[in-house]
């Protein structure tokens, strides 16, 4: 297949639409895709949400540094954030420092 990112021929991979690190793993069951959207509930995802028609291993490797950065920042570093309150409710979290360009590219990718 032709990789939609690199434009080169290669073997397709299971490119996860949402990086695996953003799934909460319950050892007693499947991965769960969680959302805070009203009316939408957690979904079971045995292998995650992926597409085998997008990229090859070379293309997937382009996303890895961005995925790793976002996972480290948004998951591992989250306990270090400062909650921002409005009327006694948490409306956001503030990070002391982060790489805006990397985080933006992660969300765009």
Protein backbone atom coordinates (compact mmCIF):
# COMPACT_ATOMS: atom_id res chain seq x y z
CA UNK A 1 0.00 0.00 0.00
CA UNK A 2 1.03 3.62 -0.43
CA UNK A 3 1.40 5.37 2.93
CA UNK A 4 -0.88 8.41 3.07
CA UNK A 5 1.70 10.28 5.13
CA UNK A 6 5.03 9.46 3.49
CA UNK A 7 3.76 8.64 -0.01
CA UNK A 8 6.01 5.55 -0.04
CA UNK A 9 5.12 1.91 -0.60
CA UNK A 10 5.07 -0.28 2.51
CA UNK A 11 3.23 -2.78 4.62
CA UNK A 12 0.18 -1.26 6.34
CA UNK A 13 0.02 -1.17 10.14
CA UNK A 14 -2.83 -0.88 12.61
CA UNK A 15 -2.58 2.87 13.06
CA UNK A 16 -4.45 3.79 16.20
CA UNK A 17 -6.70 6.78 15.72
CA UNK A 18 -6.41 7.48 19.44
CA UNK A 19 -2.98 6.44 20.77
CA UNK A 20 -3.01 3.27 22.88
CA UNK A 21 -1.64 5.18 25.87
CA UNK A 22 -4.90 7.13 26.10
CA UNK A 23 -6.94 4.01 26.77
CA UNK A 24 -7.54 2.99 30.36
CA UNK A 25 -6.59 -0.65 30.74
CA UNK A 26 -8.67 -2.78 33.06
CA UNK A 27 -6.92 -6.14 33.52
CA UNK A 28 -10.30 -7.82 33.96
CA UNK A 29 -11.75 -6.63 30.66
CA UNK A 30 -11.34 -4.72 27.41
CA UNK A 31 -9.92 -1.27 26.85
CA UNK A 32 -12.40 1.52 27.42
CA UNK A 33 -12.84 4.60 25.31
CA UNK A 34 -14.09 7.31 27.68
CA UNK A 35 -15.73 10.62 26.87
CA UNK A 36 -17.26 13.50 28.77
CA UNK A 37 -19.75 14.26 25.99
CA UNK A 38 -23.32 14.20 27.34
CA UNK A 39 -25.30 11.24 26.02
CA UNK A 40 -22.18 9.25 25.08
CA UNK A 41 -21.00 6.47 27.32
CA UNK A 42 -17.80 4.43 27.67
CA UNK A 43 -17.30 1.95 24.83
CA UNK A 44 -15.49 -1.36 24.94
CA UNK A 45 -12.53 -1.45 22.57
CA UNK A 46 -10.73 -4.79 22.67
CA UNK A 47 -7.88 -3.56 20.47
CA UNK A 48 -8.53 0.15 20.39
CA UNK A 49 -9.72 2.34 17.53
CA UNK A 50 -7.48 1.89 14.51
CA UNK A 51 -7.34 1.95 10.73
CA UNK A 52 -5.17 -0.27 8.53
CA UNK A 53 -5.60 1.86 5.40
CA UNK A 54 -3.80 5.03 6.46
CA UNK A 55 -0.08 4.52 7.10
CA UNK A 56 2.82 2.11 6.96
CA UNK A 57 5.30 1.52 9.79
CA UNK A 58 7.43 4.43 8.50
CA UNK A 59 4.43 6.74 8.57
CA UNK A 60 3.36 5.58 12.03
CA UNK A 61 6.88 6.28 13.31
CA UNK A 62 6.39 9.96 12.45
CA UNK A 63 3.56 10.16 14.98
CA UNK A 64 5.34 8.33 17.81
CA UNK A 65 7.30 11.28 19.27
CA UNK A 66 4.15 13.43 19.34
CA UNK A 67 2.04 10.63 20.85
CA UNK A 68 4.69 9.95 23.50
CA UNK A 69 4.99 13.63 24.40
CA UNK A 70 1.22 14.09 24.75
CA UNK A 71 0.85 10.91 26.81
CA UNK A 72 3.62 11.98 29.16
CA UNK A 73 2.23 15.51 29.52
CA UNK A 74 -1.51 14.79 29.66
CA UNK A 75 -1.40 11.54 31.61
CA UNK A 76 1.80 11.29 33.65
CA UNK A 77 2.16 15.00 34.38
CA UNK A 78 -1.55 15.62 35.01
CA UNK A 79 -1.30 15.23 38.82
CA UNK A 80 1.08 18.22 38.81
CA UNK A 81 -1.47 20.56 37.20
CA UNK A 82 -3.22 23.40 38.98
CA UNK A 83 -7.02 23.37 38.79
CA UNK A 84 -8.69 26.58 37.67
CA UNK A 85 -12.01 27.17 39.41
CA UNK A 86 -15.04 29.20 38.41
CA UNK A 87 -17.98 29.37 40.80
CA UNK A 88 -16.40 26.54 42.80
CA UNK A 89 -16.21 24.18 39.83
CA UNK A 90 -13.07 23.06 38.02
CA UNK A 91 -13.24 24.47 34.48
CA UNK A 92 -9.65 23.84 33.38
CA UNK A 93 -6.21 22.71 34.48
CA UNK A 94 -3.04 24.77 34.17
CA UNK A 95 0.34 23.27 33.32
CA UNK A 96 3.39 25.22 34.47
CA UNK A 97 5.30 24.44 31.28
CA UNK A 98 4.71 22.54 28.05
CA UNK A 99 5.78 22.55 24.43
CA UNK A 100 2.91 24.27 22.63
CA UNK A 101 4.12 23.29 19.14
CA UNK A 102 4.41 19.58 19.99
CA UNK A 103 1.05 19.50 21.73
CA UNK A 104 -0.63 21.33 18.84
CA UNK A 105 0.89 18.91 16.31
CA UNK A 106 -0.29 15.96 18.42
CA UNK A 107 -3.89 17.17 18.32
CA UNK A 108 -3.69 18.02 14.62
CA UNK A 109 -2.25 14.62 13.80
